[in-house]
Amino acid sequence: MKRLMKRSGWVAVLFLVMTVGARAAEQQSKQAEITLELAASCVLSVDDIQGFGVWPTGERSIDQVNLGSVTVTCDNGMAYAVGIDAGENYDGASRRLSDGTNYLPYVLRAHSSSGQEWGDTGLMGISGDYVTTHPAQAVEGMGNGASQSITLWGDATVSAAAGGIYKDRVKIILVW
């Protein structure tokens, strides 16, 4: 009997250990939202704009000069507009190149000699400074994921101008 009780005791201890050790693990779970936002983007490049070049004095008019190109790269399907402000030497009537003393009026276009001046009117909510005296429109386009070049053409009036280097600085603005 002693032997039976001894065996029963071991069985009870073993049963107790197995019961305590087999207790179910607790669990808690929550959900987390993983997001990724891709912002629509466009990039503007004006690296290859060269200017009018060198011309002899006495020329009356310099027309349809390819000044270089404005390059826009926008995501596929992204509408954009590129505008050019009036420049630093604007006199309220025209853009002007200056040698510091003298001024030469000039025009910028996106289409050689035909079409309207390239300005900043219509830049999707931006009030352009070239609007008041010129209906110079921004150039609009649709992104395709690749670089798109817009040729910048210039015309200048050089009647009886003194020799020298004439400059102006314009701001080219990309809005999307």
C-alpha atoms as a PDB file:
ATOM      1  CA  MET A   1       0.000   0.000   0.000  1.00  0.00           C
ATOM      2  CA  LYS A   2       2.831   2.245   0.754  1.00  0.00           C
ATOM      3  CA  ARG A   3       4.128   1.529  -2.637  1.00  0.00           C
ATOM      4  CA  LEU A   4       0.777   2.369  -4.225  1.00  0.00           C
ATOM      5  CA  MET A   5       0.539   5.651  -2.353  1.00  0.00           C
ATOM      6  CA  LYS A   6       4.042   6.498  -3.346  1.00  0.00           C
ATOM      7  CA  ARG A   7       3.154   5.822  -6.960  1.00  0.00           C
ATOM      8  CA  SER A   8      -0.093   7.752  -6.704  1.00  0.00           C
ATOM      9  CA  GLY A   9       1.756  10.685  -5.220  1.00  0.00           C
ATOM     10  CA  TRP A  10       4.146  10.778  -8.134  1.00  0.00           C
ATOM     11  CA  VAL A  11       1.268  10.591 -10.575  1.00  0.00           C
ATOM     12  CA  ALA A  12      -0.505  13.445  -8.795  1.00  0.00           C
ATOM     13  CA  VAL A  13       2.672  15.564  -8.796  1.00  0.00           C
ATOM     14  CA  LEU A  14       3.257  14.750 -12.455  1.00  0.00           C
ATOM     15  CA  PHE A  15      -0.369  15.602 -13.319  1.00  0.00           C
ATOM     16  CA  LEU A  16      -0.075  18.872 -11.385  1.00  0.00           C
ATOM     17  CA  VAL A  17       3.154  19.811 -13.157  1.00  0.00           C
ATOM     18  CA  MET A  18       1.685  18.983 -16.557  1.00  0.00           C
ATOM     19  CA  THR A  19      -1.460  20.979 -15.841  1.00  0.00           C
ATOM     20  CA  VAL A  20       0.442  24.067 -14.680  1.00  0.00           C
ATOM     21  CA  GLY A  21       2.991  23.845 -17.513  1.00  0.00           C
ATOM     22  CA  ALA A  22       0.331  23.434 -20.202  1.00  0.00           C
ATOM     23  CA  ARG A  23      -1.416  26.675 -19.355  1.00  0.00           C
ATOM     24  CA  ALA A  24      -2.441  28.588 -22.518  1.00  0.00           C
ATOM     25  CA  ALA A  25      -0.312  31.672 -23.452  1.00  0.00           C
ATOM     26  CA  GLU A  26      -2.099  35.014 -23.431  1.00  0.00           C
ATOM     27  CA  GLN A  27      -2.305  37.031 -26.628  1.00  0.00           C
ATOM     28  CA  GLN A  28      -3.132  40.600 -27.670  1.00  0.00           C
ATOM     29  CA  SER A  29      -3.191  42.008 -31.178  1.00  0.00           C
ATOM     30  CA  LYS A  30      -3.736  45.427 -32.790  1.00  0.00           C
ATOM     31  CA  GLN A  31      -3.763  46.607 -36.382  1.00  0.00           C
ATOM     32  CA  ALA A  32      -1.371  49.176 -37.823  1.00  0.00           C
ATOM     33  CA  GLU A  33      -1.864  51.016 -41.110  1.00  0.00           C
ATOM     34  CA  ILE A  34       1.208  51.248 -43.308  1.00  0.00           C
ATOM     35  CA  THR A  35       1.127  54.183 -45.751  1.00  0.00           C
ATOM     36  CA  LEU A  36       3.300  55.568 -48.510  1.00  0.00           C
ATOM     37  CA  GLU A  37       2.560  58.956 -50.032  1.00  0.00           C
ATOM     38  CA  LEU A  38       3.928  59.725 -53.470  1.00  0.00           C
ATOM     39  CA  ALA A  39       3.848  63.465 -54.031  1.00  0.00           C
ATOM     40  CA  ALA A  40       3.370  64.560 -57.614  1.00  0.00           C
ATOM     41  CA  SER A  41       6.473  66.336 -58.770  1.00  0.00           C
ATOM     42  CA  CYS A  42       7.989  68.368 -61.546  1.00  0.00           C
ATOM     43  CA  VAL A  43      11.544  69.570 -62.188  1.00  0.00           C
ATOM     44  CA  LEU A  44      12.592  72.676 -64.136  1.00  0.00           C
ATOM     45  CA  SER A  45      15.940  73.075 -65.904  1.00  0.00           C
ATOM     46  CA  VAL A  46      17.213  76.194 -67.687  1.00  0.00           C
ATOM     47  CA  ASP A  47      20.865  75.175 -67.910  1.00  0.00           C
ATOM     48  CA  ASP A  48      21.321  75.613 -71.660  1.00  0.00           C
ATOM     49  CA  ILE A  49      19.969  79.161 -72.139  1.00  0.00           C
ATOM     50  CA  GLN A  50      22.707  81.109 -73.942  1.00  0.00           C
ATOM     51  CA  GLY A  51      21.339  84.519 -74.857  1.00  0.00           C
ATOM     52  CA  PHE A  52      21.394  86.448 -78.136  1.00  0.00           C
ATOM     53  CA  GLY A  53      25.094  86.021 -78.893  1.00  0.00           C
ATOM     54  CA  VAL A  54      27.320  88.618 -80.594  1.00  0.00           C
ATOM     55  CA  TRP A  55      25.898  90.945 -83.255  1.00  0.00           C
ATOM     56  CA  PRO A  56      27.441  93.904 -85.123  1.00  0.00           C
ATOM     57  CA  THR A  57      26.317  97.378 -84.093  1.00  0.00           C
ATOM     58  CA  GLY A  58      23.977  99.038 -86.557  1.00  0.00           C
ATOM     59  CA  GLU A  59      21.600  96.073 -86.840  1.00  0.00           C
ATOM     60  CA  ARG A  60      18.027  97.313 -86.625  1.00  0.00           C
ATOM     61  CA  SER A  61      16.303  94.194 -85.487  1.00  0.00           C
ATOM     62  CA  ILE A  62      17.402  90.776 -84.354  1.00  0.00           C
ATOM     63  CA  ASP A  63      14.605  88.288 -84.889  1.00  0.00           C
ATOM     64  CA  GLN A  64      13.921  84.648 -84.129  1.00  0.00           C
ATOM     65  CA  VAL A  65      17.071  83.874 -82.182  1.00  0.00           C
ATOM     66  CA  ASN A  66      17.060  80.483 -80.490  1.00  0.00           C
ATOM     67  CA  LEU A  67      18.158  81.351 -76.953  1.00  0.00           C
ATOM     68  CA  GLY A  68      18.150  77.759 -75.697  1.00  0.00           C
ATOM     69  CA  SER A  69      15.482  75.691 -74.053  1.00  0.00           C
ATOM     70  CA  VAL A  70      13.529  75.356 -70.872  1.00  0.00           C
ATOM     71  CA  THR A  71      13.188  71.707 -69.880  1.00  0.00           C
ATOM     72  CA  VAL A  72      10.329  70.405 -67.752  1.00  0.00           C
ATOM     73  CA  THR A  73      10.079  66.892 -66.346  1.00  0.00           C
ATOM     74  CA  CYS A  74       6.745  66.112 -64.673  1.00  0.00           C
ATOM     75  CA  ASP A  75       5.049  62.919 -63.572  1.00  0.00           C
ATOM     76  CA  ASN A  76       2.826  61.277 -66.163  1.00  0.00           C
ATOM     77  CA  GLY A  77      -0.531  63.050 -66.387  1.00  0.00           C
ATOM     78  CA  MET A  78       0.576  66.074 -64.304  1.00  0.00           C
ATOM     79  CA  ALA A  79      -0.582  69.398 -65.786  1.00  0.00           C
ATOM     80  CA  TYR A  80       1.977  72.203 -65.580  1.00  0.00           C
ATOM     81  CA  ALA A  81       2.548  75.792 -66.675  1.00  0.00           C
ATOM     82  CA  VAL A  82       5.848  77.619 -67.239  1.00  0.00           C
ATOM     83  CA  GLY A  83       5.945  81.400 -67.047  1.00  0.00           C
ATOM     84  CA  ILE A  84       8.632  84.058 -67.390  1.00  0.00           C
ATOM     85  CA  ASP A  85       8.404  87.268 -65.382  1.00  0.00           C
ATOM     86  CA  ALA A  86       9.026  90.780 -66.746  1.00  0.00           C
ATOM     87  CA  GLY A  87      12.716  90.856 -65.848  1.00  0.00           C
ATOM     88  CA  GLU A  88      14.826  93.200 -63.765  1.00  0.00           C
ATOM     89  CA  ASN A  89      14.908  96.015 -66.371  1.00  0.00           C
ATOM     90  CA  TYR A  90      11.171  96.082 -67.116  1.00  0.00           C
ATOM     91  CA  ASP A  91       9.957  99.655 -67.543  1.00  0.00           C
ATOM     92  CA  GLY A  92       6.206  99.084 -67.425  1.00  0.00           C
ATOM     93  CA  ALA A  93       6.007  98.739 -71.204  1.00  0.00           C
ATOM     94  CA  SER A  94       8.573  96.118 -72.247  1.00  0.00           C
ATOM     95  CA  ARG A  95      11.343  93.811 -71.171  1.00  0.00           C
ATOM     96  CA  ARG A  96      14.712  95.497 -71.669  1.00  0.00           C
ATOM     97  CA  LEU A  97      18.348  94.485 -71.896  1.00  0.00           C
ATOM     98  CA  SER A  98      20.731  96.988 -70.283  1.00  0.00           C
ATOM     99  CA  ASP A  99      24.433  97.751 -70.381  1.00  0.00           C
ATOM    100  CA  GLY A 100      24.022  99.756 -67.168  1.00  0.00           C
ATOM    101  CA  THR A 101      23.164 102.982 -69.003  1.00  0.00           C
ATOM    102  CA  ASN A 102      21.385 102.149 -72.258  1.00  0.00           C
ATOM    103  CA  TYR A 103      18.385  99.889 -72.818  1.00  0.00           C
ATOM    104  CA  LEU A 104      17.277  97.639 -75.686  1.00  0.00           C
ATOM    105  CA  PRO A 105      13.717  96.282 -75.755  1.00  0.00           C
ATOM    106  CA  TYR A 106      13.334  92.554 -76.339  1.00  0.00           C
ATOM    107  CA  VAL A 107      10.648  89.890 -76.540  1.00  0.00           C
ATOM    108  CA  LEU A 108      10.645  86.235 -75.449  1.00  0.00           C
ATOM    109  CA  ARG A 109       8.486  83.633 -77.188  1.00  0.00           C
ATOM    110  CA  ALA A 110       7.943  79.899 -77.034  1.00  0.00           C
ATOM    111  CA  HIS A 111       7.236  79.661 -80.772  1.00  0.00           C
ATOM    112  CA  SER A 112       9.777  81.392 -83.036  1.00  0.00           C
ATOM    113  CA  SER A 113       8.272  84.558 -84.532  1.00  0.00           C
ATOM    114  CA  SER A 114       4.675  83.443 -84.417  1.00  0.00           C
ATOM    115  CA  GLY A 115       2.487  83.655 -81.407  1.00  0.00           C
ATOM    116  CA  GLN A 116       2.294  85.554 -78.238  1.00  0.00           C
ATOM    117  CA  GLU A 117       5.023  86.680 -75.900  1.00  0.00           C
ATOM    118  CA  TRP A 118       5.983  84.201 -73.210  1.00  0.00           C
ATOM    119  CA  GLY A 119       5.036  85.724 -69.889  1.00  0.00           C
ATOM    120  CA  ASP A 120       3.559  84.743 -66.576  1.00  0.00           C
ATOM    121  CA  THR A 121      -0.168  85.290 -67.124  1.00  0.00           C
ATOM    122  CA  GLY A 122      -2.223  82.233 -66.273  1.00  0.00           C
ATOM    123  CA  LEU A 123       0.158  80.593 -63.820  1.00  0.00           C
ATOM    124  CA  MET A 124      -2.645  78.795 -61.957  1.00  0.00           C
ATOM    125  CA  GLY A 125      -3.390  81.348 -59.274  1.00  0.00           C
ATOM    126  CA  ILE A 126      -0.132  83.327 -59.358  1.00  0.00           C
ATOM    127  CA  SER A 127      -0.607  86.991 -60.201  1.00  0.00           C
ATOM    128  CA  GLY A 128       2.044  87.749 -62.801  1.00  0.00           C
ATOM    129  CA  ASP A 129       3.869  91.091 -62.904  1.00  0.00           C
ATOM    130  CA  TYR A 130       3.897  91.144 -66.709  1.00  0.00           C
ATOM    131  CA  VAL A 131       0.121  91.034 -66.929  1.00  0.00           C
ATOM    132  CA  THR A 132      -0.752  94.704 -66.701  1.00  0.00           C
ATOM    133  CA  THR A 133       0.591  95.813 -70.080  1.00  0.00           C
ATOM    134  CA  HIS A 134       1.106  92.559 -71.980  1.00  0.00           C
ATOM    135  CA  PRO A 135      -1.162  89.577 -72.542  1.00  0.00           C
ATOM    136  CA  ALA A 136       1.922  87.359 -72.316  1.00  0.00           C
ATOM    137  CA  GLN A 137       0.794  83.850 -71.495  1.00  0.00           C
ATOM    138  CA  ALA A 138       2.483  81.059 -69.629  1.00  0.00           C
ATOM    139  CA  VAL A 139       3.170  77.915 -71.646  1.00  0.00           C
ATOM    140  CA  GLU A 140       1.058  74.967 -70.523  1.00  0.00           C
ATOM    141  CA  GLY A 141       1.755  71.284 -70.890  1.00  0.00           C
ATOM    142  CA  MET A 142       1.062  67.792 -69.614  1.00  0.00           C
ATOM    143  CA  GLY A 143       3.782  65.698 -67.992  1.00  0.00           C
ATOM    144  CA  ASN A 144       4.650  62.324 -69.471  1.00  0.00           C
ATOM    145  CA  GLY A 145       7.390  61.249 -67.057  1.00  0.00           C
ATOM    146  CA  ALA A 146      10.144  62.276 -69.501  1.00  0.00           C
ATOM    147  CA  SER A 147      11.958  65.568 -70.124  1.00  0.00           C
ATOM    148  CA  GLN A 148      10.024  67.963 -72.362  1.00  0.00           C
ATOM    149  CA  SER A 149      11.906  70.878 -73.922  1.00  0.00           C
ATOM    150  CA  ILE A 150      10.360  74.224 -74.813  1.00  0.00           C
ATOM    151  CA  THR A 151      12.550  76.350 -77.064  1.00  0.00           C
ATOM    152  CA  LEU A 152      13.026  79.930 -75.900  1.00  0.00           C
ATOM    153  CA  TRP A 153      13.063  82.355 -78.839  1.00  0.00           C
ATOM    154  CA  GLY A 154      14.054  86.014 -78.655  1.00  0.00           C
ATOM    155  CA  ASP A 155      13.624  89.167 -80.709  1.00  0.00           C
ATOM    156  CA  ALA A 156      15.492  92.393 -79.898  1.00  0.00           C
ATOM    157  CA  THR A 157      15.363  95.917 -81.288  1.00  0.00           C
ATOM    158  CA  VAL A 158      18.877  97.332 -81.566  1.00  0.00           C
ATOM    159  CA  SER A 159      18.413 100.631 -83.379  1.00  0.00           C
ATOM    160  CA  ALA A 160      21.430 102.942 -82.916  1.00  0.00           C
ATOM    161  CA  ALA A 161      22.584 101.174 -79.748  1.00  0.00           C
ATOM    162  CA  ALA A 162      26.091 101.709 -78.432  1.00  0.00           C
ATOM    163  CA  GLY A 163      28.404  98.702 -78.403  1.00  0.00           C
ATOM    164  CA  GLY A 164      28.583  96.749 -75.153  1.00  0.00           C
ATOM    165  CA  ILE A 165      27.160  93.804 -73.277  1.00  0.00           C
ATOM    166  CA  TYR A 166      23.444  94.130 -72.599  1.00  0.00           C
ATOM    167  CA  LYS A 167      21.813  91.937 -69.979  1.00  0.00           C
ATOM    168  CA  ASP A 168      18.588  91.250 -68.179  1.00  0.00           C
ATOM    169  CA  ARG A 169      17.644  88.650 -65.593  1.00  0.00           C
ATOM    170  CA  VAL A 170      14.250  86.979 -65.771  1.00  0.00           C
ATOM    171  CA  LYS A 171      12.650  84.484 -63.419  1.00  0.00           C
ATOM    172  CA  ILE A 172      11.329  81.328 -65.042  1.00  0.00           C
ATOM    173  CA  ILE A 173       8.533  79.837 -62.954  1.00  0.00           C
ATOM    174  CA  LEU A 174       7.133  76.295 -63.050  1.00  0.00           C
ATOM    175  CA  VAL A 175       3.752  75.644 -61.458  1.00  0.00           C
ATOM    176  CA  TRP A 176       2.019  72.258 -61.283  1.00  0.00           C
END
